[in-house]
N, C-alpha and C. Protein backbone atom coordinates (compact mmCIF):
# COMPACT_ATOMS: atom_id res chain seq x y z
N MET A 1 0.82 -1.19 0.00
CA MET A 1 0.00 0.00 0.00
C MET A 1 0.88 1.26 0.00
N GLU A 2 1.98 1.25 0.74
CA GLU A 2 2.89 2.40 0.83
C GLU A 2 3.54 2.67 -0.54
N VAL A 3 3.86 1.60 -1.29
CA VAL A 3 4.46 1.76 -2.61
C VAL A 3 3.47 2.44 -3.55
N GLN A 4 2.20 2.05 -3.52
CA GLN A 4 1.19 2.67 -4.38
C GLN A 4 1.02 4.15 -4.03
N LYS A 5 1.04 4.48 -2.76
CA LYS A 5 0.90 5.87 -2.34
C LYS A 5 2.08 6.70 -2.85
N GLU A 6 3.28 6.13 -2.80
CA GLU A 6 4.48 6.82 -3.29
C GLU A 6 4.37 7.10 -4.79
N ARG A 7 3.79 6.18 -5.54
CA ARG A 7 3.64 6.36 -6.98
C ARG A 7 2.66 7.47 -7.33
N LEU A 8 1.77 7.81 -6.40
CA LEU A 8 0.77 8.84 -6.64
C LEU A 8 1.19 10.22 -6.13
N THR A 9 2.38 10.31 -5.57
CA THR A 9 2.85 11.57 -5.01
C THR A 9 3.69 12.32 -6.04
N LEU A 10 3.30 13.56 -6.32
CA LEU A 10 4.07 14.40 -7.25
C LEU A 10 5.08 15.21 -6.46
N ARG A 11 6.30 15.29 -6.98
CA ARG A 11 7.34 16.07 -6.34
C ARG A 11 7.94 17.04 -7.35
N ALA A 12 8.06 18.29 -6.92
CA ALA A 12 8.67 19.32 -7.78
C ALA A 12 10.18 19.18 -7.71
N PRO A 13 10.88 19.48 -8.80
CA PRO A 13 12.35 19.38 -8.79
C PRO A 13 13.02 20.45 -7.93
N GLU A 14 12.26 21.51 -7.59
CA GLU A 14 12.79 22.60 -6.78
C GLU A 14 11.63 23.40 -6.21
N ASP A 15 11.93 24.27 -5.26
CA ASP A 15 10.90 25.13 -4.68
C ASP A 15 10.38 26.09 -5.73
N GLY A 16 9.10 26.43 -5.62
CA GLY A 16 8.54 27.39 -6.56
C GLY A 16 7.05 27.56 -6.35
N ARG A 17 6.44 28.31 -7.24
CA ARG A 17 5.02 28.60 -7.19
C ARG A 17 4.37 27.99 -8.42
N ILE A 18 3.24 27.29 -8.21
CA ILE A 18 2.53 26.66 -9.33
C ILE A 18 1.81 27.75 -10.12
N ILE A 19 2.11 27.82 -11.41
CA ILE A 19 1.50 28.79 -12.30
C ILE A 19 0.28 28.18 -13.00
N LYS A 20 0.42 26.92 -13.44
CA LYS A 20 -0.65 26.28 -14.20
C LYS A 20 -0.55 24.77 -14.03
N VAL A 21 -1.69 24.11 -13.92
CA VAL A 21 -1.74 22.65 -13.89
C VAL A 21 -2.00 22.18 -15.32
N LEU A 22 -1.10 21.36 -15.84
CA LEU A 22 -1.17 20.94 -17.25
C LEU A 22 -2.01 19.68 -17.46
N ALA A 23 -2.15 18.85 -16.43
CA ALA A 23 -2.91 17.60 -16.56
C ALA A 23 -4.32 17.80 -16.01
N LYS A 24 -5.25 17.03 -16.54
CA LYS A 24 -6.63 17.09 -16.05
C LYS A 24 -6.79 16.10 -14.90
N GLU A 25 -7.71 16.39 -14.01
CA GLU A 25 -7.98 15.50 -12.88
C GLU A 25 -8.36 14.11 -13.39
N GLY A 26 -7.72 13.09 -12.84
CA GLY A 26 -8.00 11.71 -13.23
C GLY A 26 -7.23 11.24 -14.45
N GLU A 27 -6.51 12.12 -15.11
CA GLU A 27 -5.74 11.77 -16.31
C GLU A 27 -4.54 10.92 -15.92
N MET A 28 -4.26 9.88 -16.71
CA MET A 28 -3.08 9.05 -16.48
C MET A 28 -1.87 9.75 -17.09
N VAL A 29 -0.78 9.81 -16.33
CA VAL A 29 0.45 10.42 -16.83
C VAL A 29 1.61 9.45 -16.60
N SER A 30 2.56 9.49 -17.50
CA SER A 30 3.75 8.65 -17.38
C SER A 30 4.76 9.32 -16.46
N ALA A 31 5.64 8.52 -15.89
CA ALA A 31 6.71 9.06 -15.05
C ALA A 31 7.54 10.03 -15.88
N GLY A 32 7.88 11.16 -15.30
CA GLY A 32 8.70 12.16 -15.98
C GLY A 32 7.93 13.14 -16.84
N THR A 33 6.62 12.95 -16.95
CA THR A 33 5.79 13.85 -17.75
C THR A 33 5.49 15.12 -16.96
N PRO A 34 5.74 16.30 -17.54
CA PRO A 34 5.40 17.54 -16.82
C PRO A 34 3.89 17.62 -16.59
N VAL A 35 3.48 17.96 -15.37
CA VAL A 35 2.06 18.10 -15.06
C VAL A 35 1.72 19.48 -14.51
N VAL A 36 2.72 20.24 -14.10
CA VAL A 36 2.49 21.60 -13.64
C VAL A 36 3.55 22.54 -14.21
N LEU A 37 3.17 23.79 -14.39
CA LEU A 37 4.11 24.83 -14.79
C LEU A 37 4.51 25.53 -13.50
N LEU A 38 5.80 25.50 -13.21
CA LEU A 38 6.33 25.98 -11.94
C LEU A 38 7.19 27.21 -12.15
N GLU A 39 6.93 28.26 -11.39
CA GLU A 39 7.78 29.45 -11.41
C GLU A 39 8.76 29.32 -10.26
N SER A 40 10.04 29.35 -10.56
CA SER A 40 11.05 29.20 -9.52
C SER A 40 11.95 30.42 -9.50
N ASN A 41 12.86 30.43 -8.57
CA ASN A 41 13.82 31.52 -8.49
C ASN A 41 15.12 31.18 -9.20
N ARG A 42 15.14 30.07 -9.92
CA ARG A 42 16.36 29.64 -10.60
C ARG A 42 16.68 30.60 -11.75
N SER A 43 17.93 30.96 -11.86
CA SER A 43 18.38 31.83 -12.94
C SER A 43 18.99 30.99 -14.06
N TYR A 44 18.69 31.38 -15.28
CA TYR A 44 19.26 30.68 -16.44
C TYR A 44 19.37 31.65 -17.60
N TYR A 45 20.14 31.25 -18.59
CA TYR A 45 20.16 31.98 -19.85
C TYR A 45 20.20 30.96 -20.98
N ASP A 46 19.71 31.38 -22.12
CA ASP A 46 19.68 30.53 -23.31
C ASP A 46 20.67 31.07 -24.32
N ILE A 47 21.34 30.17 -25.01
CA ILE A 47 22.16 30.55 -26.16
C ILE A 47 21.74 29.68 -27.33
N TYR A 48 21.98 30.18 -28.51
CA TYR A 48 21.67 29.43 -29.74
C TYR A 48 22.99 29.21 -30.46
N ILE A 49 23.26 27.96 -30.77
CA ILE A 49 24.54 27.60 -31.37
C ILE A 49 24.33 26.71 -32.59
N SER A 50 25.38 26.54 -33.35
CA SER A 50 25.31 25.72 -34.56
C SER A 50 25.40 24.23 -34.21
N GLU A 51 25.08 23.40 -35.18
CA GLU A 51 25.21 21.95 -35.01
C GLU A 51 26.64 21.57 -34.64
N LYS A 52 27.59 22.22 -35.30
CA LYS A 52 29.00 21.91 -35.05
C LYS A 52 29.39 22.24 -33.62
N GLN A 53 28.92 23.39 -33.10
CA GLN A 53 29.22 23.76 -31.72
C GLN A 53 28.53 22.82 -30.73
N ALA A 54 27.33 22.37 -31.06
CA ALA A 54 26.55 21.51 -30.16
C ALA A 54 27.09 20.09 -30.10
N GLN A 55 27.87 19.69 -31.09
CA GLN A 55 28.33 18.32 -31.23
C GLN A 55 29.01 17.77 -29.97
N GLY A 56 29.83 18.56 -29.31
CA GLY A 56 30.58 18.06 -28.15
C GLY A 56 29.91 18.32 -26.81
N LEU A 57 28.70 18.90 -26.83
CA LEU A 57 28.02 19.25 -25.58
C LEU A 57 26.98 18.22 -25.20
N SER A 58 26.70 18.14 -23.90
CA SER A 58 25.59 17.31 -23.43
C SER A 58 25.05 17.90 -22.14
N GLU A 59 23.82 17.53 -21.82
CA GLU A 59 23.20 18.01 -20.59
C GLU A 59 24.05 17.57 -19.41
N GLY A 60 24.24 18.48 -18.46
CA GLY A 60 25.09 18.22 -17.30
C GLY A 60 26.48 18.81 -17.42
N ASP A 61 26.89 19.17 -18.65
CA ASP A 61 28.20 19.81 -18.84
C ASP A 61 28.21 21.19 -18.21
N THR A 62 29.40 21.64 -17.84
CA THR A 62 29.58 22.98 -17.28
C THR A 62 30.02 23.93 -18.39
N ILE A 63 29.43 25.13 -18.40
CA ILE A 63 29.76 26.17 -19.38
C ILE A 63 30.13 27.43 -18.60
N THR A 64 31.16 28.13 -19.05
CA THR A 64 31.54 29.39 -18.44
C THR A 64 31.23 30.53 -19.38
N GLY A 65 30.46 31.50 -18.88
CA GLY A 65 30.14 32.69 -19.65
C GLY A 65 30.66 33.92 -18.92
N HIS A 66 30.45 35.08 -19.52
CA HIS A 66 30.89 36.35 -18.92
C HIS A 66 29.81 37.38 -19.13
N THR A 67 29.53 38.16 -18.07
CA THR A 67 28.55 39.23 -18.21
C THR A 67 29.15 40.32 -19.09
N VAL A 68 28.31 40.93 -19.90
CA VAL A 68 28.76 42.03 -20.75
C VAL A 68 29.10 43.23 -19.86
N ALA A 69 28.25 43.49 -18.87
CA ALA A 69 28.50 44.59 -17.93
C ALA A 69 29.36 44.06 -16.78
N GLY A 70 30.55 44.56 -16.64
CA GLY A 70 31.40 44.17 -15.52
C GLY A 70 32.28 42.97 -15.78
N ASP A 71 32.08 42.26 -16.88
CA ASP A 71 32.89 41.09 -17.24
C ASP A 71 33.07 40.11 -16.08
N LYS A 72 31.96 39.76 -15.41
CA LYS A 72 32.01 38.78 -14.33
C LYS A 72 31.93 37.38 -14.92
N THR A 73 32.71 36.45 -14.38
CA THR A 73 32.66 35.06 -14.81
C THR A 73 31.42 34.40 -14.23
N VAL A 74 30.65 33.73 -15.08
CA VAL A 74 29.41 33.08 -14.67
C VAL A 74 29.49 31.62 -15.09
N THR A 75 29.59 30.73 -14.11
CA THR A 75 29.64 29.30 -14.40
C THR A 75 28.23 28.72 -14.28
N GLY A 76 27.88 27.86 -15.22
CA GLY A 76 26.55 27.26 -15.20
C GLY A 76 26.58 25.84 -15.71
N THR A 77 25.43 25.18 -15.58
CA THR A 77 25.28 23.78 -16.00
C THR A 77 24.23 23.69 -17.09
N ILE A 78 24.54 22.96 -18.15
CA ILE A 78 23.59 22.76 -19.24
C ILE A 78 22.46 21.86 -18.75
N LYS A 79 21.24 22.38 -18.81
CA LYS A 79 20.06 21.61 -18.40
C LYS A 79 19.20 21.21 -19.58
N LEU A 80 19.41 21.87 -20.73
CA LEU A 80 18.61 21.57 -21.92
C LEU A 80 19.49 21.78 -23.14
N LEU A 81 19.49 20.81 -24.02
CA LEU A 81 20.20 20.91 -25.30
C LEU A 81 19.27 20.29 -26.33
N THR A 82 18.67 21.15 -27.16
CA THR A 82 17.66 20.66 -28.09
C THR A 82 17.66 21.48 -29.37
N LYS A 83 17.07 20.93 -30.42
CA LYS A 83 16.95 21.67 -31.67
C LYS A 83 16.14 22.93 -31.40
N ALA A 84 16.66 24.05 -31.87
CA ALA A 84 15.99 25.33 -31.65
C ALA A 84 14.78 25.47 -32.56
N PRO A 85 13.86 26.34 -32.19
CA PRO A 85 12.72 26.61 -33.08
C PRO A 85 13.21 27.13 -34.42
N GLY A 86 12.40 27.00 -35.45
CA GLY A 86 12.78 27.37 -36.81
C GLY A 86 13.31 28.77 -36.98
N PHE A 87 12.82 29.73 -36.16
CA PHE A 87 13.28 31.11 -36.33
C PHE A 87 14.77 31.27 -36.07
N ALA A 88 15.37 30.34 -35.34
CA ALA A 88 16.79 30.47 -35.00
C ALA A 88 17.70 29.82 -36.04
N ASP A 89 17.12 29.06 -36.97
CA ASP A 89 17.93 28.41 -37.99
C ASP A 89 18.52 29.44 -38.95
N LEU A 90 19.71 29.13 -39.46
CA LEU A 90 20.37 30.00 -40.42
C LEU A 90 19.97 29.53 -41.82
N LYS A 91 19.33 30.42 -42.56
CA LYS A 91 18.89 30.06 -43.91
C LYS A 91 19.97 30.42 -44.92
N GLN A 92 20.40 29.44 -45.67
CA GLN A 92 21.41 29.64 -46.71
C GLN A 92 20.71 29.66 -48.07
N SER A 93 21.43 30.05 -49.07
CA SER A 93 20.89 30.05 -50.41
C SER A 93 21.05 28.66 -51.02
N ARG A 94 19.95 28.05 -51.35
CA ARG A 94 20.01 26.70 -51.94
C ARG A 94 20.63 26.74 -53.34
N GLU A 95 20.63 27.91 -53.95
CA GLU A 95 21.22 28.03 -55.29
C GLU A 95 22.72 27.76 -55.25
N LYS A 96 23.34 28.03 -54.11
CA LYS A 96 24.78 27.80 -53.97
C LYS A 96 25.08 26.37 -53.53
N GLY A 97 24.03 25.56 -53.42
CA GLY A 97 24.23 24.16 -53.04
C GLY A 97 24.38 23.94 -51.54
N GLN A 98 24.05 24.97 -50.77
CA GLN A 98 24.15 24.83 -49.32
C GLN A 98 22.77 24.60 -48.73
N ALA A 99 22.69 23.69 -47.78
CA ALA A 99 21.42 23.42 -47.11
C ALA A 99 21.23 24.40 -45.96
N ASP A 100 20.02 24.46 -45.44
CA ASP A 100 19.76 25.25 -44.24
C ASP A 100 20.54 24.64 -43.08
N LEU A 101 21.00 25.49 -42.18
CA LEU A 101 21.77 25.03 -41.03
C LEU A 101 20.89 25.07 -39.79
N THR A 102 20.85 23.97 -39.06
CA THR A 102 20.02 23.88 -37.88
C THR A 102 20.72 24.48 -36.68
N ALA A 103 19.99 25.28 -35.92
CA ALA A 103 20.51 25.85 -34.68
C ALA A 103 20.04 24.99 -33.51
N PHE A 104 20.81 25.01 -32.44
CA PHE A 104 20.44 24.30 -31.21
C PHE A 104 20.29 25.31 -30.08
N GLN A 105 19.30 25.06 -29.25
CA GLN A 105 19.09 25.89 -28.06
C GLN A 105 19.77 25.21 -26.88
N VAL A 106 20.52 25.99 -26.12
CA VAL A 106 21.18 25.50 -24.91
C VAL A 106 20.69 26.35 -23.75
N ARG A 107 20.07 25.72 -22.76
CA ARG A 107 19.65 26.43 -21.55
C ARG A 107 20.66 26.12 -20.46
N ILE A 108 21.23 27.17 -19.88
CA ILE A 108 22.29 27.05 -18.88
C ILE A 108 21.79 27.62 -17.56
N TYR A 109 21.69 26.77 -16.54
CA TYR A 109 21.28 27.21 -15.20
C TYR A 109 22.51 27.70 -14.46
N ILE A 110 22.37 28.85 -13.80
CA ILE A 110 23.48 29.40 -13.04
C ILE A 110 23.10 29.52 -11.58
N ASP A 111 24.09 29.43 -10.70
CA ASP A 111 23.87 29.65 -9.29
C ASP A 111 23.85 31.15 -9.03
N PRO A 112 23.00 31.59 -8.09
CA PRO A 112 22.98 33.02 -7.77
C PRO A 112 24.36 33.49 -7.33
N GLN A 113 24.76 34.65 -7.79
CA GLN A 113 26.03 35.21 -7.37
C GLN A 113 25.94 36.73 -7.38
N GLU A 114 26.70 37.33 -6.53
CA GLU A 114 26.69 38.77 -6.40
C GLU A 114 27.14 39.43 -7.70
N GLY A 115 26.44 40.49 -8.08
CA GLY A 115 26.80 41.22 -9.28
C GLY A 115 26.17 40.70 -10.55
N VAL A 116 25.44 39.58 -10.47
CA VAL A 116 24.76 39.03 -11.63
C VAL A 116 23.26 39.04 -11.32
N THR A 117 22.52 39.84 -12.07
CA THR A 117 21.09 39.98 -11.82
C THR A 117 20.29 39.58 -13.06
N PRO A 118 19.04 39.16 -12.86
CA PRO A 118 18.20 38.78 -14.00
C PRO A 118 18.11 39.92 -15.01
N GLY A 119 18.21 39.56 -16.28
CA GLY A 119 18.14 40.54 -17.36
C GLY A 119 19.49 40.93 -17.92
N MET A 120 20.57 40.57 -17.22
CA MET A 120 21.90 40.89 -17.73
C MET A 120 22.22 40.01 -18.93
N THR A 121 23.05 40.53 -19.82
CA THR A 121 23.49 39.76 -20.98
C THR A 121 24.74 38.98 -20.61
N ILE A 122 24.73 37.69 -20.96
CA ILE A 122 25.88 36.82 -20.71
C ILE A 122 26.34 36.28 -22.05
N GLY A 123 27.61 36.42 -22.33
CA GLY A 123 28.19 35.91 -23.56
C GLY A 123 29.03 34.67 -23.29
N VAL A 124 29.07 33.77 -24.26
CA VAL A 124 29.87 32.55 -24.14
C VAL A 124 30.88 32.55 -25.28
N ASN A 125 32.14 32.40 -24.92
CA ASN A 125 33.22 32.41 -25.90
C ASN A 125 33.22 31.12 -26.72
N GLU A 126 33.56 31.22 -27.97
CA GLU A 126 33.64 30.07 -28.89
C GLU A 126 34.49 28.94 -28.32
N ARG A 127 35.52 29.27 -27.54
CA ARG A 127 36.40 28.23 -26.98
C ARG A 127 35.66 27.26 -26.07
N GLU A 128 34.54 27.68 -25.51
CA GLU A 128 33.75 26.80 -24.64
C GLU A 128 33.23 25.58 -25.39
N PHE A 129 33.09 25.69 -26.70
CA PHE A 129 32.54 24.59 -27.49
C PHE A 129 33.62 23.71 -28.09
N THR A 130 34.84 24.23 -28.17
CA THR A 130 35.91 23.46 -28.80
C THR A 130 36.84 22.81 -27.81
N LYS A 131 36.73 23.13 -26.51
CA LYS A 131 37.67 22.60 -25.52
C LYS A 131 37.34 21.18 -25.08
N ARG A 132 36.27 20.62 -25.57
CA ARG A 132 35.83 19.30 -25.12
C ARG A 132 36.42 18.19 -25.95
């Protein structure tokens, strides 16, 4: 009975506020399926990179960026590495025999640190993708 109760308990990956419930009452959901939209205090930034740059990266890798204002070093962990939406793809001219190039979205979670506030621009040097 205790095992069944444990299977019915939802746990958030971190503290936060529920914004929206995505599943309907009584709906069956698989393990790992998102069922709520959670607003947290976690800070992150997204970058869009080429297929070639994404080749050596994986979720869990550490990336070092720098704030544009103040040039502070910002270390973070890749939490998402996925094909970016179509608007981020680089369109080439097919007349020249080149295909469209797919972009990848990388979401990097950072730990709170002094001098880095939400809304700041963080840049990642090309060397971060080639050092692996």
